[in-house]
Amino acid sequence: MTHLSSSQIRSLAETSTTAAAYLDACDNGAKFVRLDPAYYQACARLLMSIFSVVDAATTFPDLLSRSPSARNAAESLEMEHHIRISRTGYYPRLAAILARASV
């Protein structure tokens, strides 16, 4: 993880909260939020980028407790990390499928 100042962490917290709020609102079918597919993807990518730089569970625990989108992003990154470390150890069925597909 990268060392960030407290002002940088606050800025990332505000940005990730805003991005997660838009994703959650769209996912929940909010009537007063216009769904813009490009903006939705940008918010999702931004959230993933922020969570790649900081440990979301320790840095933004409140956001993860309130936002399903933030939790999904953090869990996705954790799964990606586990897959990179050891596909065979953590996901043996996935490793077998990928081995068959690569032949």
PDB file of N, CA and C in Angstrom:
ATOM      1  N   MET A   1       0.829  -1.173   0.000  1.00  0.00           N
ATOM      2  CA  MET A   1       0.000   0.000   0.000  1.00  0.00           C
ATOM      3  C   MET A   1       0.883   1.249   0.000  1.00  0.00           C
ATOM      4  N   THR A   2       0.376   2.282  -0.575  1.00  0.00           N
ATOM      5  CA  THR A   2       1.071   3.552  -0.680  1.00  0.00           C
ATOM      6  C   THR A   2       0.818   4.385   0.564  1.00  0.00           C
ATOM      7  N   HIS A   3       1.842   5.117   1.013  1.00  0.00           N
ATOM      8  CA  HIS A   3       1.667   6.010   2.162  1.00  0.00           C
ATOM      9  C   HIS A   3       1.041   7.311   1.664  1.00  0.00           C
ATOM     10  N   LEU A   4      -0.088   7.664   2.233  1.00  0.00           N
ATOM     11  CA  LEU A   4      -0.806   8.874   1.852  1.00  0.00           C
ATOM     12  C   LEU A   4      -0.991   9.773   3.066  1.00  0.00           C
ATOM     13  N   SER A   5      -1.052  11.059   2.818  1.00  0.00           N
ATOM     14  CA  SER A   5      -1.279  12.012   3.903  1.00  0.00           C
ATOM     15  C   SER A   5      -2.745  11.961   4.322  1.00  0.00           C
ATOM     16  N   SER A   6      -3.039  12.548   5.467  1.00  0.00           N
ATOM     17  CA  SER A   6      -4.423  12.538   5.950  1.00  0.00           C
ATOM     18  C   SER A   6      -5.341  13.344   5.030  1.00  0.00           C
ATOM     19  N   SER A   7      -4.838  14.407   4.418  1.00  0.00           N
ATOM     20  CA  SER A   7      -5.677  15.170   3.488  1.00  0.00           C
ATOM     21  C   SER A   7      -5.946  14.361   2.213  1.00  0.00           C
ATOM     22  N   GLN A   8      -4.974  13.595   1.772  1.00  0.00           N
ATOM     23  CA  GLN A   8      -5.192  12.736   0.605  1.00  0.00           C
ATOM     24  C   GLN A   8      -6.199  11.634   0.920  1.00  0.00           C
ATOM     25  N   ILE A   9      -6.119  11.084   2.123  1.00  0.00           N
ATOM     26  CA  ILE A   9      -7.080  10.051   2.538  1.00  0.00           C
ATOM     27  C   ILE A   9      -8.486  10.644   2.599  1.00  0.00           C
ATOM     28  N   ARG A  10      -8.619  11.848   3.153  1.00  0.00           N
ATOM     29  CA  ARG A  10      -9.943  12.512   3.209  1.00  0.00           C
ATOM     30  C   ARG A  10     -10.491  12.741   1.807  1.00  0.00           C
ATOM     31  N   SER A  11      -9.631  13.167   0.902  1.00  0.00           N
ATOM     32  CA  SER A  11     -10.054  13.405  -0.473  1.00  0.00           C
ATOM     33  C   SER A  11     -10.503  12.104  -1.140  1.00  0.00           C
ATOM     34  N   LEU A  12      -9.752  11.038  -0.939  1.00  0.00           N
ATOM     35  CA  LEU A  12     -10.142   9.734  -1.478  1.00  0.00           C
ATOM     36  C   LEU A  12     -11.440   9.242  -0.848  1.00  0.00           C
ATOM     37  N   ALA A  13     -11.613   9.522   0.442  1.00  0.00           N
ATOM     38  CA  ALA A  13     -12.851   9.114   1.125  1.00  0.00           C
ATOM     39  C   ALA A  13     -14.055   9.826   0.525  1.00  0.00           C
ATOM     40  N   GLU A  14     -13.927  11.117   0.286  1.00  0.00           N
ATOM     41  CA  GLU A  14     -15.030  11.869  -0.312  1.00  0.00           C
ATOM     42  C   GLU A  14     -15.327  11.380  -1.723  1.00  0.00           C
ATOM     43  N   THR A  15     -14.287  11.166  -2.496  1.00  0.00           N
ATOM     44  CA  THR A  15     -14.458  10.709  -3.874  1.00  0.00           C
ATOM     45  C   THR A  15     -15.078   9.320  -3.926  1.00  0.00           C
ATOM     46  N   SER A  16     -14.580   8.414  -3.088  1.00  0.00           N
ATOM     47  CA  SER A  16     -15.120   7.051  -3.101  1.00  0.00           C
ATOM     48  C   SER A  16     -16.558   7.027  -2.580  1.00  0.00           C
ATOM     49  N   THR A  17     -16.874   7.878  -1.624  1.00  0.00           N
ATOM     50  CA  THR A  17     -18.249   7.965  -1.116  1.00  0.00           C
ATOM     51  C   THR A  17     -19.199   8.454  -2.203  1.00  0.00           C
ATOM     52  N   THR A  18     -18.769   9.454  -2.956  1.00  0.00           N
ATOM     53  CA  THR A  18     -19.596   9.986  -4.037  1.00  0.00           C
ATOM     54  C   THR A  18     -19.799   8.939  -5.133  1.00  0.00           C
ATOM     55  N   ALA A  19     -18.722   8.279  -5.513  1.00  0.00           N
ATOM     56  CA  ALA A  19     -18.822   7.249  -6.562  1.00  0.00           C
ATOM     57  C   ALA A  19     -19.716   6.099  -6.110  1.00  0.00           C
ATOM     58  N   ALA A  20     -19.529   5.644  -4.876  1.00  0.00           N
ATOM     59  CA  ALA A  20     -20.341   4.539  -4.357  1.00  0.00           C
ATOM     60  C   ALA A  20     -21.811   4.939  -4.233  1.00  0.00           C
ATOM     61  N   ALA A  21     -22.066   6.179  -3.853  1.00  0.00           N
ATOM     62  CA  ALA A  21     -23.455   6.646  -3.726  1.00  0.00           C
ATOM     63  C   ALA A  21     -24.162   6.618  -5.073  1.00  0.00           C
ATOM     64  N   TYR A  22     -23.465   7.033  -6.132  1.00  0.00           N
ATOM     65  CA  TYR A  22     -24.074   6.991  -7.462  1.00  0.00           C
ATOM     66  C   TYR A  22     -24.341   5.547  -7.889  1.00  0.00           C
ATOM     67  N   LEU A  23     -23.374   4.674  -7.679  1.00  0.00           N
ATOM     68  CA  LEU A  23     -23.558   3.262  -8.040  1.00  0.00           C
ATOM     69  C   LEU A  23     -24.722   2.649  -7.268  1.00  0.00           C
ATOM     70  N   ASP A  24     -24.777   2.917  -5.975  1.00  0.00           N
ATOM     71  CA  ASP A  24     -25.859   2.373  -5.146  1.00  0.00           C
ATOM     72  C   ASP A  24     -27.216   2.916  -5.587  1.00  0.00           C
ATOM     73  N   ALA A  25     -27.270   4.211  -5.879  1.00  0.00           N
ATOM     74  CA  ALA A  25     -28.535   4.814  -6.301  1.00  0.00           C
ATOM     75  C   ALA A  25     -29.022   4.190  -7.608  1.00  0.00           C
ATOM     76  N   CYS A  26     -28.121   4.010  -8.549  1.00  0.00           N
ATOM     77  CA  CYS A  26     -28.500   3.386  -9.823  1.00  0.00           C
ATOM     78  C   CYS A  26     -28.910   1.933  -9.616  1.00  0.00           C
ATOM     79  N   ASP A  27     -28.160   1.211  -8.810  1.00  0.00           N
ATOM     80  CA  ASP A  27     -28.462  -0.200  -8.561  1.00  0.00           C
ATOM     81  C   ASP A  27     -29.802  -0.380  -7.863  1.00  0.00           C
ATOM     82  N   ASN A  28     -30.183   0.608  -7.061  1.00  0.00           N
ATOM     83  CA  ASN A  28     -31.443   0.524  -6.324  1.00  0.00           C
ATOM     84  C   ASN A  28     -32.611   1.144  -7.080  1.00  0.00           C
ATOM     85  N   GLY A  29     -32.388   1.596  -8.313  1.00  0.00           N
ATOM     86  CA  GLY A  29     -33.467   2.137  -9.128  1.00  0.00           C
ATOM     87  C   GLY A  29     -34.003   3.466  -8.659  1.00  0.00           C
ATOM     88  N   ALA A  30     -33.134   4.312  -8.141  1.00  0.00           N
ATOM     89  CA  ALA A  30     -33.575   5.618  -7.652  1.00  0.00           C
ATOM     90  C   ALA A  30     -34.230   6.417  -8.773  1.00  0.00           C
ATOM     91  N   LYS A  31     -35.350   7.030  -8.459  1.00  0.00           N
ATOM     92  CA  LYS A  31     -36.116   7.767  -9.459  1.00  0.00           C
ATOM     93  C   LYS A  31     -35.476   9.096  -9.833  1.00  0.00           C
ATOM     94  N   PHE A  32     -34.717   9.684  -8.932  1.00  0.00           N
ATOM     95  CA  PHE A  32     -34.175  11.009  -9.162  1.00  0.00           C
ATOM     96  C   PHE A  32     -32.714  10.990  -9.603  1.00  0.00           C
ATOM     97  N   VAL A  33     -32.256   9.823 -10.039  1.00  0.00           N
ATOM     98  CA  VAL A  33     -30.887   9.689 -10.532  1.00  0.00           C
ATOM     99  C   VAL A  33     -30.959   9.220 -11.977  1.00  0.00           C
ATOM    100  N   ARG A  34     -30.331   9.972 -12.858  1.00  0.00           N
ATOM    101  CA  ARG A  34     -30.315   9.600 -14.266  1.00  0.00           C
ATOM    102  C   ARG A  34     -29.190   8.600 -14.490  1.00  0.00           C
ATOM    103  N   LEU A  35     -29.522   7.454 -15.036  1.00  0.00           N
ATOM    104  CA  LEU A  35     -28.511   6.439 -15.310  1.00  0.00           C
ATOM    105  C   LEU A  35     -27.744   6.811 -16.573  1.00  0.00           C
ATOM    106  N   ASP A  36     -26.463   7.023 -16.392  1.00  0.00           N
ATOM    107  CA  ASP A  36     -25.562   7.294 -17.499  1.00  0.00           C
ATOM    108  C   ASP A  36     -24.553   6.146 -17.507  1.00  0.00           C
ATOM    109  N   PRO A  37     -24.657   5.222 -18.459  1.00  0.00           N
ATOM    110  CA  PRO A  37     -23.786   4.045 -18.457  1.00  0.00           C
ATOM    111  C   PRO A  37     -22.295   4.374 -18.409  1.00  0.00           C
ATOM    112  N   ALA A  38     -21.873   5.392 -19.135  1.00  0.00           N
ATOM    113  CA  ALA A  38     -20.455   5.756 -19.134  1.00  0.00           C
ATOM    114  C   ALA A  38     -20.033   6.279 -17.759  1.00  0.00           C
ATOM    115  N   TYR A  39     -20.869   7.087 -17.143  1.00  0.00           N
ATOM    116  CA  TYR A  39     -20.553   7.611 -15.814  1.00  0.00           C
ATOM    117  C   TYR A  39     -20.582   6.493 -14.776  1.00  0.00           C
ATOM    118  N   TYR A  40     -21.522   5.575 -14.920  1.00  0.00           N
ATOM    119  CA  TYR A  40     -21.612   4.421 -14.018  1.00  0.00           C
ATOM    120  C   TYR A  40     -20.307   3.621 -14.074  1.00  0.00           C
ATOM    121  N   GLN A  41     -19.834   3.341 -15.295  1.00  0.00           N
ATOM    122  CA  GLN A  41     -18.579   2.597 -15.444  1.00  0.00           C
ATOM    123  C   GLN A  41     -17.397   3.383 -14.880  1.00  0.00           C
ATOM    124  N   ALA A  42     -17.402   4.686 -15.112  1.00  0.00           N
ATOM    125  CA  ALA A  42     -16.310   5.517 -14.595  1.00  0.00           C
ATOM    126  C   ALA A  42     -16.286   5.497 -13.067  1.00  0.00           C
ATOM    127  N   CYS A  43     -17.463   5.563 -12.452  1.00  0.00           N
ATOM    128  CA  CYS A  43     -17.537   5.507 -10.986  1.00  0.00           C
ATOM    129  C   CYS A  43     -17.040   4.156 -10.474  1.00  0.00           C
ATOM    130  N   ALA A  44     -17.414   3.090 -11.148  1.00  0.00           N
ATOM    131  CA  ALA A  44     -16.974   1.753 -10.733  1.00  0.00           C
ATOM    132  C   ALA A  44     -15.458   1.621 -10.876  1.00  0.00           C
ATOM    133  N   ARG A  45     -14.920   2.094 -11.994  1.00  0.00           N
ATOM    134  CA  ARG A  45     -13.461   2.035 -12.190  1.00  0.00           C
ATOM    135  C   ARG A  45     -12.727   2.879 -11.152  1.00  0.00           C
ATOM    136  N   LEU A  46     -13.287   4.052 -10.860  1.00  0.00           N
ATOM    137  CA  LEU A  46     -12.674   4.939  -9.874  1.00  0.00           C
ATOM    138  C   LEU A  46     -12.647   4.282  -8.497  1.00  0.00           C
ATOM    139  N   LEU A  47     -13.746   3.679  -8.116  1.00  0.00           N
ATOM    140  CA  LEU A  47     -13.810   2.992  -6.824  1.00  0.00           C
ATOM    141  C   LEU A  47     -12.778   1.861  -6.764  1.00  0.00           C
ATOM    142  N   MET A  48     -12.681   1.095  -7.834  1.00  0.00           N
ATOM    143  CA  MET A  48     -11.699   0.007  -7.879  1.00  0.00           C
ATOM    144  C   MET A  48     -10.267   0.567  -7.807  1.00  0.00           C
ATOM    145  N   SER A  49     -10.029   1.670  -8.483  1.00  0.00           N
ATOM    146  CA  SER A  49      -8.689   2.277  -8.452  1.00  0.00           C
ATOM    147  C   SER A  49      -8.334   2.765  -7.057  1.00  0.00           C
ATOM    148  N   ILE A  50      -9.275   3.415  -6.402  1.00  0.00           N
ATOM    149  CA  ILE A  50      -9.025   3.918  -5.049  1.00  0.00           C
ATOM    150  C   ILE A  50      -8.762   2.751  -4.104  1.00  0.00           C
ATOM    151  N   PHE A  51      -9.574   1.714  -4.203  1.00  0.00           N
ATOM    152  CA  PHE A  51      -9.406   0.568  -3.313  1.00  0.00           C
ATOM    153  C   PHE A  51      -8.159  -0.241  -3.643  1.00  0.00           C
ATOM    154  N   SER A  52      -7.586  -0.036  -4.828  1.00  0.00           N
ATOM    155  CA  SER A  52      -6.317  -0.684  -5.172  1.00  0.00           C
ATOM    156  C   SER A  52      -5.141   0.009  -4.500  1.00  0.00           C
ATOM    157  N   VAL A  53      -5.333   1.284  -4.177  1.00  0.00           N
ATOM    158  CA  VAL A  53      -4.261   2.074  -3.573  1.00  0.00           C
ATOM    159  C   VAL A  53      -4.279   1.983  -2.054  1.00  0.00           C
ATOM    160  N   VAL A  54      -5.473   1.897  -1.476  1.00  0.00           N
ATOM    161  CA  VAL A  54      -5.601   1.825  -0.016  1.00  0.00           C
ATOM    162  C   VAL A  54      -6.355   0.550   0.367  1.00  0.00           C
ATOM    163  N   ASP A  55      -6.147   0.110   1.578  1.00  0.00           N
ATOM    164  CA  ASP A  55      -6.912  -1.030   2.094  1.00  0.00           C
ATOM    165  C   ASP A  55      -8.270  -0.497   2.541  1.00  0.00           C
ATOM    166  N   ALA A  56      -9.287  -0.797   1.752  1.00  0.00           N
ATOM    167  CA  ALA A  56     -10.620  -0.238   2.000  1.00  0.00           C
ATOM    168  C   ALA A  56     -11.173  -0.640   3.359  1.00  0.00           C
ATOM    169  N   ALA A  57     -10.907  -1.861   3.778  1.00  0.00           N
ATOM    170  CA  ALA A  57     -11.462  -2.345   5.047  1.00  0.00           C
ATOM    171  C   ALA A  57     -10.943  -1.549   6.241  1.00  0.00           C
ATOM    172  N   THR A  58      -9.698  -1.137   6.201  1.00  0.00           N
ATOM    173  CA  THR A  58      -9.150  -0.377   7.330  1.00  0.00           C
ATOM    174  C   THR A  58      -9.292   1.128   7.141  1.00  0.00           C
ATOM    175  N   THR A  59      -9.282   1.595   5.892  1.00  0.00           N
ATOM    176  CA  THR A  59      -9.328   3.022   5.630  1.00  0.00           C
ATOM    177  C   THR A  59     -10.750   3.563   5.578  1.00  0.00           C
ATOM    178  N   PHE A  60     -11.680   2.788   5.009  1.00  0.00           N
ATOM    179  CA  PHE A  60     -13.057   3.246   4.830  1.00  0.00           C
ATOM    180  C   PHE A  60     -14.074   2.253   5.397  1.00  0.00           C
ATOM    181  N   PRO A  61     -13.953   1.862   6.662  1.00  0.00           N
ATOM    182  CA  PRO A  61     -14.889   0.866   7.200  1.00  0.00           C
ATOM    183  C   PRO A  61     -16.342   1.336   7.203  1.00  0.00           C
ATOM    184  N   ASP A  62     -16.568   2.633   7.433  1.00  0.00           N
ATOM    185  CA  ASP A  62     -17.943   3.154   7.439  1.00  0.00           C
ATOM    186  C   ASP A  62     -18.566   3.054   6.048  1.00  0.00           C
ATOM    187  N   LEU A  63     -17.788   3.383   5.041  1.00  0.00           N
ATOM    188  CA  LEU A  63     -18.290   3.307   3.672  1.00  0.00           C
ATOM    189  C   LEU A  63     -18.650   1.864   3.319  1.00  0.00           C
ATOM    190  N   LEU A  64     -17.800   0.937   3.688  1.00  0.00           N
ATOM    191  CA  LEU A  64     -18.076  -0.473   3.391  1.00  0.00           C
ATOM    192  C   LEU A  64     -19.309  -0.974   4.134  1.00  0.00           C
ATOM    193  N   SER A  65     -19.559  -0.462   5.323  1.00  0.00           N
ATOM    194  CA  SER A  65     -20.736  -0.906   6.072  1.00  0.00           C
ATOM    195  C   SER A  65     -22.030  -0.333   5.495  1.00  0.00           C
ATOM    196  N   ARG A  66     -21.943   0.838   4.830  1.00  0.00           N
ATOM    197  CA  ARG A  66     -23.140   1.484   4.287  1.00  0.00           C
ATOM    198  C   ARG A  66     -23.412   1.178   2.830  1.00  0.00           C
ATOM    199  N   SER A  67     -22.381   0.875   2.062  1.00  0.00           N
ATOM    200  CA  SER A  67     -22.531   0.814   0.612  1.00  0.00           C
ATOM    201  C   SER A  67     -22.294  -0.584   0.042  1.00  0.00           C
ATOM    202  N   PRO A  68     -23.333  -1.185  -0.530  1.00  0.00           N
ATOM    203  CA  PRO A  68     -23.143  -2.485  -1.191  1.00  0.00           C
ATOM    204  C   PRO A  68     -22.150  -2.401  -2.358  1.00  0.00           C
ATOM    205  N   SER A  69     -22.168  -1.310  -3.090  1.00  0.00           N
ATOM    206  CA  SER A  69     -21.233  -1.156  -4.213  1.00  0.00           C
ATOM    207  C   SER A  69     -19.790  -1.103  -3.731  1.00  0.00           C
ATOM    208  N   ALA A  70     -19.553  -0.404  -2.646  1.00  0.00           N
ATOM    209  CA  ALA A  70     -18.202  -0.331  -2.094  1.00  0.00           C
ATOM    210  C   ALA A  70     -17.753  -1.702  -1.592  1.00  0.00           C
ATOM    211  N   ARG A  71     -18.661  -2.414  -0.919  1.00  0.00           N
ATOM    212  CA  ARG A  71     -18.331  -3.773  -0.457  1.00  0.00           C
ATOM    213  C   ARG A  71     -18.005  -4.685  -1.633  1.00  0.00           C
ATOM    214  N   ASN A  72     -18.811  -4.610  -2.687  1.00  0.00           N
ATOM    215  CA  ASN A  72     -18.564  -5.445  -3.859  1.00  0.00           C
ATOM    216  C   ASN A  72     -17.210  -5.142  -4.483  1.00  0.00           C
ATOM    217  N   ALA A  73     -16.868  -3.865  -4.573  1.00  0.00           N
ATOM    218  CA  ALA A  73     -15.574  -3.483  -5.139  1.00  0.00           C
ATOM    219  C   ALA A  73     -14.430  -4.021  -4.283  1.00  0.00           C
ATOM    220  N   ALA A  74     -14.540  -3.847  -2.972  1.00  0.00           N
ATOM    221  CA  ALA A  74     -13.487  -4.326  -2.071  1.00  0.00           C
ATOM    222  C   ALA A  74     -13.365  -5.847  -2.124  1.00  0.00           C
ATOM    223  N   GLU A  75     -14.501  -6.543  -2.139  1.00  0.00           N
ATOM    224  CA  GLU A  75     -14.476  -8.006  -2.209  1.00  0.00           C
ATOM    225  C   GLU A  75     -13.906  -8.484  -3.541  1.00  0.00           C
ATOM    226  N   SER A  76     -14.218  -7.794  -4.615  1.00  0.00           N
ATOM    227  CA  SER A  76     -13.683  -8.166  -5.931  1.00  0.00           C
ATOM    228  C   SER A  76     -12.170  -8.042  -5.958  1.00  0.00           C
ATOM    229  N   LEU A  77     -11.666  -6.970  -5.389  1.00  0.00           N
ATOM    230  CA  LEU A  77     -10.215  -6.791  -5.347  1.00  0.00           C
ATOM    231  C   LEU A  77      -9.552  -7.846  -4.470  1.00  0.00           C
ATOM    232  N   GLU A  78     -10.201  -8.204  -3.379  1.00  0.00           N
ATOM    233  CA  GLU A  78      -9.648  -9.246  -2.516  1.00  0.00           C
ATOM    234  C   GLU A  78      -9.611 -10.590  -3.242  1.00  0.00           C
ATOM    235  N   MET A  79     -10.689 -10.905  -3.965  1.00  0.00           N
ATOM    236  CA  MET A  79     -10.709 -12.154  -4.737  1.00  0.00           C
ATOM    237  C   MET A  79      -9.625 -12.148  -5.807  1.00  0.00           C
ATOM    238  N   GLU A  80      -9.464 -11.011  -6.476  1.00  0.00           N
ATOM    239  CA  GLU A  80      -8.418 -10.896  -7.494  1.00  0.00           C
ATOM    240  C   GLU A  80      -7.050 -11.148  -6.878  1.00  0.00           C
ATOM    241  N   HIS A  81      -6.833 -10.591  -5.702  1.00  0.00           N
ATOM    242  CA  HIS A  81      -5.563 -10.784  -4.995  1.00  0.00           C
ATOM    243  C   HIS A  81      -5.342 -12.263  -4.679  1.00  0.00           C
ATOM    244  N   HIS A  82      -6.381 -12.935  -4.174  1.00  0.00           N
ATOM    245  CA  HIS A  82      -6.263 -14.360  -3.867  1.00  0.00           C
ATOM    246  C   HIS A  82      -5.992 -15.179  -5.126  1.00  0.00           C
ATOM    247  N   ILE A  83      -6.646 -14.822  -6.210  1.00  0.00           N
ATOM    248  CA  ILE A  83      -6.433 -15.550  -7.467  1.00  0.00           C
ATOM    249  C   ILE A  83      -5.005 -15.365  -7.945  1.00  0.00           C
ATOM    250  N   ARG A  84      -4.501 -14.151  -7.848  1.00  0.00           N
ATOM    251  CA  ARG A  84      -3.116 -13.908  -8.273  1.00  0.00           C
ATOM    252  C   ARG A  84      -2.128 -14.689  -7.420  1.00  0.00           C
ATOM    253  N   ILE A  85      -2.386 -14.740  -6.126  1.00  0.00           N
ATOM    254  CA  ILE A  85      -1.463 -15.441  -5.229  1.00  0.00           C
ATOM    255  C   ILE A  85      -1.436 -16.923  -5.550  1.00  0.00           C
ATOM    256  N   SER A  86      -2.606 -17.509  -5.618  1.00  0.00           N
ATOM    257  CA  SER A  86      -2.642 -18.951  -5.832  1.00  0.00           C
ATOM    258  C   SER A  86      -4.005 -19.388  -6.329  1.00  0.00           C
ATOM    259  N   ARG A  87      -4.106 -19.506  -7.635  1.00  0.00           N
ATOM    260  CA  ARG A  87      -5.365 -20.013  -8.186  1.00  0.00           C
ATOM    261  C   ARG A  87      -5.630 -21.425  -7.698  1.00  0.00           C
ATOM    262  N   THR A  88      -4.615 -22.226  -7.670  1.00  0.00           N
ATOM    263  CA  THR A  88      -4.795 -23.622  -7.278  1.00  0.00           C
ATOM    264  C   THR A  88      -5.190 -23.752  -5.813  1.00  0.00           C
ATOM    265  N   GLY A  89      -4.577 -22.977  -4.942  1.00  0.00           N
ATOM    266  CA  GLY A  89      -4.860 -23.086  -3.520  1.00  0.00           C
ATOM    267  C   GLY A  89      -6.218 -22.560  -3.117  1.00  0.00           C
ATOM    268  N   TYR A  90      -6.592 -21.403  -3.650  1.00  0.00           N
ATOM    269  CA  TYR A  90      -7.843 -20.781  -3.237  1.00  0.00           C
ATOM    270  C   TYR A  90      -9.036 -21.188  -4.099  1.00  0.00           C
ATOM    271  N   TYR A  91      -8.779 -21.405  -5.375  1.00  0.00           N
ATOM    272  CA  TYR A  91      -9.870 -21.708  -6.304  1.00  0.00           C
ATOM    273  C   TYR A  91      -9.494 -22.894  -7.191  1.00  0.00           C
ATOM    274  N   PRO A  92      -9.450 -24.090  -6.623  1.00  0.00           N
ATOM    275  CA  PRO A  92      -9.000 -25.246  -7.411  1.00  0.00           C
ATOM    276  C   PRO A  92      -9.892 -25.538  -8.614  1.00  0.00           C
ATOM    277  N   ARG A  93     -11.200 -25.333  -8.479  1.00  0.00           N
ATOM    278  CA  ARG A  93     -12.090 -25.572  -9.621  1.00  0.00           C
ATOM    279  C   ARG A  93     -11.818 -24.575 -10.741  1.00  0.00           C
ATOM    280  N   LEU A  94     -11.578 -23.334 -10.385  1.00  0.00           N
ATOM    281  CA  LEU A  94     -11.250 -22.330 -11.383  1.00  0.00           C
ATOM    282  C   LEU A  94      -9.935 -22.676 -12.077  1.00  0.00           C
ATOM    283  N   ALA A  95      -8.947 -23.106 -11.320  1.00  0.00           N
ATOM    284  CA  ALA A  95      -7.660 -23.483 -11.905  1.00  0.00           C
ATOM    285  C   ALA A  95      -7.836 -24.626 -12.893  1.00  0.00           C
ATOM    286  N   ALA A  96      -8.678 -25.602 -12.558  1.00  0.00           N
ATOM    287  CA  ALA A  96      -8.915 -26.726 -13.461  1.00  0.00           C
ATOM    288  C   ALA A  96      -9.605 -26.262 -14.740  1.00  0.00           C
ATOM    289  N   ILE A  97     -10.578 -25.374 -14.612  1.00  0.00           N
ATOM    290  CA  ILE A  97     -11.294 -24.863 -15.785  1.00  0.00           C
ATOM    291  C   ILE A  97     -10.335 -24.057 -16.676  1.00  0.00           C
ATOM    292  N   LEU A  98      -9.517 -23.222 -16.072  1.00  0.00           N
ATOM    293  CA  LEU A  98      -8.577 -22.433 -16.853  1.00  0.00           C
ATOM    294  C   LEU A  98      -7.534 -23.314 -17.524  1.00  0.00           C
ATOM    295  N   ALA A  99      -7.114 -24.371 -16.848  1.00  0.00           N
ATOM    296  CA  ALA A  99      -6.141 -25.296 -17.453  1.00  0.00           C
ATOM    297  C   ALA A  99      -6.758 -25.994 -18.666  1.00  0.00           C
ATOM    298  N   ARG A 100      -8.015 -26.419 -18.553  1.00  0.00           N
ATOM    299  CA  ARG A 100      -8.678 -27.059 -19.697  1.00  0.00           C
ATOM    300  C   ARG A 100      -8.875 -26.074 -20.835  1.00  0.00           C
ATOM    301  N   ALA A 101      -9.203 -24.837 -20.517  1.00  0.00           N
ATOM    302  CA  ALA A 101      -9.455 -23.835 -21.555  1.00  0.00           C
ATOM    303  C   ALA A 101      -8.179 -23.441 -22.296  1.00  0.00           C
ATOM    304  N   SER A 102      -7.047 -23.523 -21.637  1.00  0.00           N
ATOM    305  CA  SER A 102      -5.800 -23.103 -22.258  1.00  0.00           C
ATOM    306  C   SER A 102      -5.199 -24.170 -23.170  1.00  0.00           C
ATOM    307  N   VAL A 103      -5.748 -25.364 -23.154  1.00  0.00           N
ATOM    308  CA  VAL A 103      -5.203 -26.451 -23.997  1.00  0.00           C
ATOM    309  C   VAL A 103      -5.679 -26.327 -25.405  1.00  0.00           C
TER     310      VAL A 103
END
